[in-house]
Amino acid sequence: MALWGNNDNKGSGGTVTLDYSTGVVTGSGTTFGNVGAAATGDVIRFGFRGSGGTYFGDAVIVGIASTTSLTIGSTAGLSGASIASTAFYISQLPKFTVRDST
């Protein structure tokens, strides 16, 4: 049962790198856009919260170009630290849970 949204963890296979200047997320071993995977309006969480995890923040997905490329709406909810070859997961958290849901 989901705690915050319809599906708290839709997918997390592979790693991602973010280009802060364009908002483009490039994945390695990812399945963005496949049925049941990431979709426009979902939230991507960069890194993991909790003990031993490095958490960079959350962002709303606004476009998916392929199974390895998507675009986020804003980087305002992110730490500003470099995100490269980073673990992630996709969820259907409500957009209001992200600091800047645009």
N, C-alpha and C. Protein backbone atom coordinates (compact mmCIF):
# COMPACT_ATOMS: atom_id res chain seq x y z
N MET A 1 0.84 -1.19 0.00
CA MET A 1 0.00 0.00 0.00
C MET A 1 0.88 1.24 0.00
N ALA A 2 0.57 2.19 -0.82
CA ALA A 2 1.34 3.42 -0.93
C ALA A 2 1.08 4.34 0.25
N LEU A 3 2.14 4.92 0.76
CA LEU A 3 2.01 5.83 1.89
C LEU A 3 1.65 7.24 1.44
N TRP A 4 2.25 7.71 0.33
CA TRP A 4 2.05 9.09 -0.09
C TRP A 4 1.31 9.26 -1.40
N GLY A 5 1.44 8.34 -2.32
CA GLY A 5 0.81 8.49 -3.62
C GLY A 5 0.22 7.17 -4.08
N ASN A 6 -0.11 7.09 -5.35
CA ASN A 6 -0.66 5.85 -5.89
C ASN A 6 0.35 4.72 -5.87
N ASN A 7 1.62 5.06 -6.08
CA ASN A 7 2.67 4.07 -6.12
C ASN A 7 3.95 4.75 -5.66
N ASP A 8 4.41 4.43 -4.46
CA ASP A 8 5.57 5.11 -3.89
C ASP A 8 6.88 4.74 -4.56
N ASN A 9 6.97 3.59 -5.20
CA ASN A 9 8.21 3.20 -5.88
C ASN A 9 7.87 2.47 -7.17
N LYS A 10 7.70 3.24 -8.25
CA LYS A 10 7.36 2.69 -9.56
C LYS A 10 8.54 2.02 -10.24
N GLY A 11 9.72 2.52 -9.99
CA GLY A 11 10.88 1.97 -10.65
C GLY A 11 12.16 2.60 -10.17
N SER A 12 13.23 1.83 -10.24
CA SER A 12 14.50 2.37 -9.78
C SER A 12 15.70 1.69 -10.42
N GLY A 13 15.52 0.99 -11.52
CA GLY A 13 16.64 0.29 -12.14
C GLY A 13 17.62 1.22 -12.83
N GLY A 14 18.91 1.01 -12.60
CA GLY A 14 19.94 1.80 -13.25
C GLY A 14 20.37 2.99 -12.44
N THR A 15 21.07 3.90 -13.10
CA THR A 15 21.54 5.14 -12.47
C THR A 15 21.25 6.31 -13.40
N VAL A 16 21.30 7.52 -12.85
CA VAL A 16 21.01 8.72 -13.64
C VAL A 16 22.05 9.80 -13.43
N THR A 17 22.15 10.68 -14.43
CA THR A 17 22.99 11.87 -14.38
C THR A 17 22.11 13.04 -14.79
N LEU A 18 22.23 14.16 -14.08
CA LEU A 18 21.41 15.34 -14.35
C LEU A 18 22.26 16.48 -14.89
N ASP A 19 21.78 17.12 -15.95
CA ASP A 19 22.36 18.35 -16.46
C ASP A 19 21.51 19.48 -15.88
N TYR A 20 22.03 20.17 -14.86
CA TYR A 20 21.26 21.22 -14.18
C TYR A 20 20.84 22.34 -15.13
N SER A 21 21.66 22.65 -16.12
CA SER A 21 21.35 23.79 -17.00
C SER A 21 20.17 23.51 -17.94
N THR A 22 19.95 22.25 -18.30
CA THR A 22 18.85 21.92 -19.22
C THR A 22 17.71 21.16 -18.55
N GLY A 23 17.96 20.60 -17.38
CA GLY A 23 16.93 19.78 -16.71
C GLY A 23 16.80 18.40 -17.31
N VAL A 24 17.75 18.00 -18.16
CA VAL A 24 17.70 16.69 -18.79
C VAL A 24 18.39 15.66 -17.89
N VAL A 25 17.68 14.56 -17.67
CA VAL A 25 18.18 13.44 -16.89
C VAL A 25 18.52 12.33 -17.88
N THR A 26 19.76 11.87 -17.85
CA THR A 26 20.20 10.78 -18.72
C THR A 26 20.42 9.55 -17.87
N GLY A 27 19.81 8.45 -18.28
CA GLY A 27 19.90 7.23 -17.51
C GLY A 27 20.81 6.20 -18.14
N SER A 28 21.26 5.30 -17.31
CA SER A 28 22.04 4.14 -17.75
C SER A 28 21.36 2.91 -17.15
N GLY A 29 20.88 2.02 -18.00
CA GLY A 29 20.16 0.84 -17.52
C GLY A 29 18.75 1.16 -17.07
N THR A 30 18.18 2.26 -17.56
CA THR A 30 16.85 2.71 -17.15
C THR A 30 15.79 2.29 -18.16
N THR A 31 14.53 2.44 -17.75
CA THR A 31 13.41 2.06 -18.63
C THR A 31 12.35 3.16 -18.69
N PHE A 32 12.78 4.42 -18.66
CA PHE A 32 11.82 5.52 -18.72
C PHE A 32 10.92 5.34 -19.93
N GLY A 33 9.65 5.65 -19.79
CA GLY A 33 8.73 5.60 -20.92
C GLY A 33 8.14 4.24 -21.21
N ASN A 34 8.73 3.17 -20.71
CA ASN A 34 8.12 1.84 -20.90
C ASN A 34 6.83 1.75 -20.10
N VAL A 35 5.94 0.89 -20.52
CA VAL A 35 4.68 0.69 -19.80
C VAL A 35 4.98 0.35 -18.35
N GLY A 36 4.36 1.08 -17.43
CA GLY A 36 4.54 0.84 -16.00
C GLY A 36 5.77 1.51 -15.41
N ALA A 37 6.58 2.16 -16.24
CA ALA A 37 7.78 2.84 -15.74
C ALA A 37 7.46 4.33 -15.56
N ALA A 38 8.47 5.17 -15.61
CA ALA A 38 8.28 6.61 -15.41
C ALA A 38 7.32 7.20 -16.43
N ALA A 39 6.54 8.18 -15.98
CA ALA A 39 5.59 8.87 -16.85
C ALA A 39 5.59 10.35 -16.49
N THR A 40 5.14 11.17 -17.42
CA THR A 40 5.01 12.60 -17.16
C THR A 40 4.12 12.81 -15.94
N GLY A 41 4.55 13.68 -15.04
CA GLY A 41 3.81 13.95 -13.82
C GLY A 41 4.28 13.14 -12.62
N ASP A 42 5.07 12.10 -12.86
CA ASP A 42 5.65 11.33 -11.76
C ASP A 42 6.77 12.14 -11.12
N VAL A 43 7.20 11.71 -9.96
CA VAL A 43 8.29 12.37 -9.24
C VAL A 43 9.52 11.47 -9.30
N ILE A 44 10.68 12.07 -9.59
CA ILE A 44 11.94 11.34 -9.54
C ILE A 44 12.70 11.80 -8.30
N ARG A 45 13.14 10.85 -7.51
CA ARG A 45 13.94 11.14 -6.31
C ARG A 45 15.38 10.74 -6.62
N PHE A 46 16.28 11.69 -6.48
CA PHE A 46 17.69 11.45 -6.73
C PHE A 46 18.37 11.06 -5.43
N GLY A 47 18.94 9.86 -5.39
CA GLY A 47 19.57 9.37 -4.18
C GLY A 47 18.53 8.80 -3.24
N PHE A 48 18.95 8.48 -2.04
CA PHE A 48 18.06 7.84 -1.06
C PHE A 48 18.16 8.50 0.29
N ARG A 49 17.03 8.65 0.94
CA ARG A 49 16.99 9.16 2.30
C ARG A 49 17.32 8.02 3.25
N GLY A 50 17.71 8.35 4.45
CA GLY A 50 17.96 7.31 5.45
C GLY A 50 19.44 7.12 5.72
N SER A 51 19.72 6.19 6.59
CA SER A 51 21.11 5.98 7.03
C SER A 51 21.99 5.52 5.88
N GLY A 52 23.10 6.18 5.74
CA GLY A 52 24.07 5.81 4.73
C GLY A 52 23.74 6.27 3.32
N GLY A 53 22.57 6.83 3.12
CA GLY A 53 22.17 7.26 1.78
C GLY A 53 22.53 8.70 1.52
N THR A 54 22.73 9.04 0.26
CA THR A 54 22.94 10.42 -0.15
C THR A 54 21.70 10.85 -0.91
N TYR A 55 21.03 11.87 -0.39
CA TYR A 55 19.77 12.35 -0.96
C TYR A 55 19.99 13.72 -1.58
N PHE A 56 19.66 13.86 -2.88
CA PHE A 56 19.86 15.12 -3.60
C PHE A 56 18.57 15.91 -3.76
N GLY A 57 17.42 15.27 -3.58
CA GLY A 57 16.15 15.96 -3.72
C GLY A 57 15.22 15.29 -4.72
N ASP A 58 14.04 15.90 -4.90
CA ASP A 58 13.00 15.38 -5.78
C ASP A 58 12.66 16.40 -6.86
N ALA A 59 12.16 15.91 -7.99
CA ALA A 59 11.72 16.79 -9.08
C ALA A 59 10.57 16.12 -9.83
N VAL A 60 9.74 16.93 -10.46
CA VAL A 60 8.61 16.43 -11.24
C VAL A 60 9.05 16.22 -12.69
N ILE A 61 8.70 15.07 -13.25
CA ILE A 61 9.03 14.75 -14.64
C ILE A 61 8.03 15.46 -15.55
N VAL A 62 8.54 16.24 -16.53
CA VAL A 62 7.65 16.96 -17.45
C VAL A 62 7.70 16.41 -18.87
N GLY A 63 8.66 15.55 -19.16
CA GLY A 63 8.75 14.97 -20.49
C GLY A 63 9.67 13.77 -20.51
N ILE A 64 9.34 12.81 -21.37
CA ILE A 64 10.17 11.62 -21.52
C ILE A 64 10.50 11.47 -23.00
N ALA A 65 11.80 11.46 -23.32
CA ALA A 65 12.25 11.37 -24.71
C ALA A 65 12.50 9.93 -25.13
N SER A 66 12.95 9.10 -24.20
CA SER A 66 13.28 7.71 -24.51
C SER A 66 13.41 6.92 -23.22
N THR A 67 13.84 5.68 -23.33
CA THR A 67 14.01 4.86 -22.13
C THR A 67 15.21 5.30 -21.30
N THR A 68 16.04 6.18 -21.86
CA THR A 68 17.22 6.65 -21.13
C THR A 68 17.30 8.17 -20.99
N SER A 69 16.23 8.90 -21.35
CA SER A 69 16.27 10.35 -21.26
C SER A 69 14.90 10.92 -20.88
N LEU A 70 14.91 11.80 -19.87
CA LEU A 70 13.70 12.51 -19.48
C LEU A 70 14.06 13.92 -19.06
N THR A 71 13.05 14.77 -18.91
CA THR A 71 13.26 16.16 -18.52
C THR A 71 12.45 16.45 -17.27
N ILE A 72 13.07 17.19 -16.34
CA ILE A 72 12.36 17.60 -15.13
C ILE A 72 11.94 19.05 -15.27
N GLY A 73 10.91 19.45 -14.52
CA GLY A 73 10.36 20.79 -14.64
C GLY A 73 11.17 21.86 -13.96
N SER A 74 11.83 21.52 -12.87
CA SER A 74 12.57 22.50 -12.10
C SER A 74 13.64 21.81 -11.27
N THR A 75 14.74 22.51 -11.04
CA THR A 75 15.79 21.97 -10.16
C THR A 75 15.73 22.61 -8.78
N ALA A 76 14.69 23.40 -8.51
CA ALA A 76 14.59 24.12 -7.24
C ALA A 76 14.53 23.19 -6.03
N GLY A 77 14.01 21.99 -6.19
CA GLY A 77 13.91 21.06 -5.08
C GLY A 77 15.14 20.19 -4.90
N LEU A 78 16.20 20.49 -5.64
CA LEU A 78 17.42 19.69 -5.57
C LEU A 78 18.52 20.42 -4.80
N SER A 79 19.49 19.69 -4.32
CA SER A 79 20.53 20.24 -3.45
C SER A 79 21.52 21.14 -4.19
N GLY A 80 21.68 20.97 -5.49
CA GLY A 80 22.67 21.73 -6.25
C GLY A 80 23.98 20.98 -6.41
N ALA A 81 24.14 19.89 -5.67
CA ALA A 81 25.34 19.06 -5.80
C ALA A 81 25.28 18.28 -7.11
N SER A 82 26.43 17.95 -7.63
CA SER A 82 26.51 17.20 -8.88
C SER A 82 25.81 15.86 -8.74
N ILE A 83 24.95 15.54 -9.72
CA ILE A 83 24.24 14.27 -9.73
C ILE A 83 24.73 13.49 -10.94
N ALA A 84 25.59 12.50 -10.71
CA ALA A 84 26.17 11.71 -11.79
C ALA A 84 26.25 10.25 -11.35
N SER A 85 25.80 9.36 -12.21
CA SER A 85 25.78 7.92 -11.90
C SER A 85 25.16 7.67 -10.52
N THR A 86 24.01 8.28 -10.31
CA THR A 86 23.34 8.27 -9.01
C THR A 86 22.12 7.36 -9.02
N ALA A 87 21.93 6.65 -7.93
CA ALA A 87 20.72 5.84 -7.77
C ALA A 87 19.51 6.76 -7.69
N PHE A 88 18.36 6.26 -8.08
CA PHE A 88 17.13 7.07 -8.10
C PHE A 88 15.94 6.14 -7.93
N TYR A 89 14.78 6.74 -7.71
CA TYR A 89 13.54 5.99 -7.92
C TYR A 89 12.43 6.92 -8.34
N ILE A 90 11.49 6.34 -9.04
CA ILE A 90 10.33 7.06 -9.58
C ILE A 90 9.13 6.72 -8.71
N SER A 91 8.32 7.71 -8.39
CA SER A 91 7.11 7.46 -7.61
C SER A 91 5.98 8.33 -8.12
N GLN A 92 4.82 8.06 -7.64
CA GLN A 92 3.65 8.88 -7.95
C GLN A 92 3.28 9.71 -6.73
N LEU A 93 4.31 10.25 -6.07
CA LEU A 93 4.08 11.16 -4.96
C LEU A 93 3.24 12.34 -5.45
N PRO A 94 2.39 12.90 -4.62
CA PRO A 94 1.68 14.11 -5.04
C PRO A 94 2.68 15.23 -5.33
N LYS A 95 2.43 15.99 -6.37
CA LYS A 95 3.37 17.05 -6.77
C LYS A 95 3.62 18.07 -5.67
N PHE A 96 2.64 18.28 -4.77
CA PHE A 96 2.84 19.27 -3.72
C PHE A 96 3.92 18.83 -2.73
N THR A 97 4.36 17.58 -2.76
CA THR A 97 5.42 17.14 -1.87
C THR A 97 6.79 17.58 -2.35
N VAL A 98 6.88 18.03 -3.60
CA VAL A 98 8.14 18.51 -4.15
C VAL A 98 8.22 20.01 -3.91
N ARG A 99 9.39 20.48 -3.50
CA ARG A 99 9.54 21.89 -3.12
C ARG A 99 9.06 22.86 -4.20
N ASP A 100 9.36 22.58 -5.46
CA ASP A 100 8.88 23.41 -6.55
C ASP A 100 8.26 22.47 -7.59
N SER A 101 6.97 22.35 -7.59
CA SER A 101 6.29 21.34 -8.40
C SER A 101 6.14 21.72 -9.87
N THR A 102 6.69 22.87 -10.29
CA THR A 102 6.63 23.22 -11.70
C THR A 102 7.61 22.38 -12.46
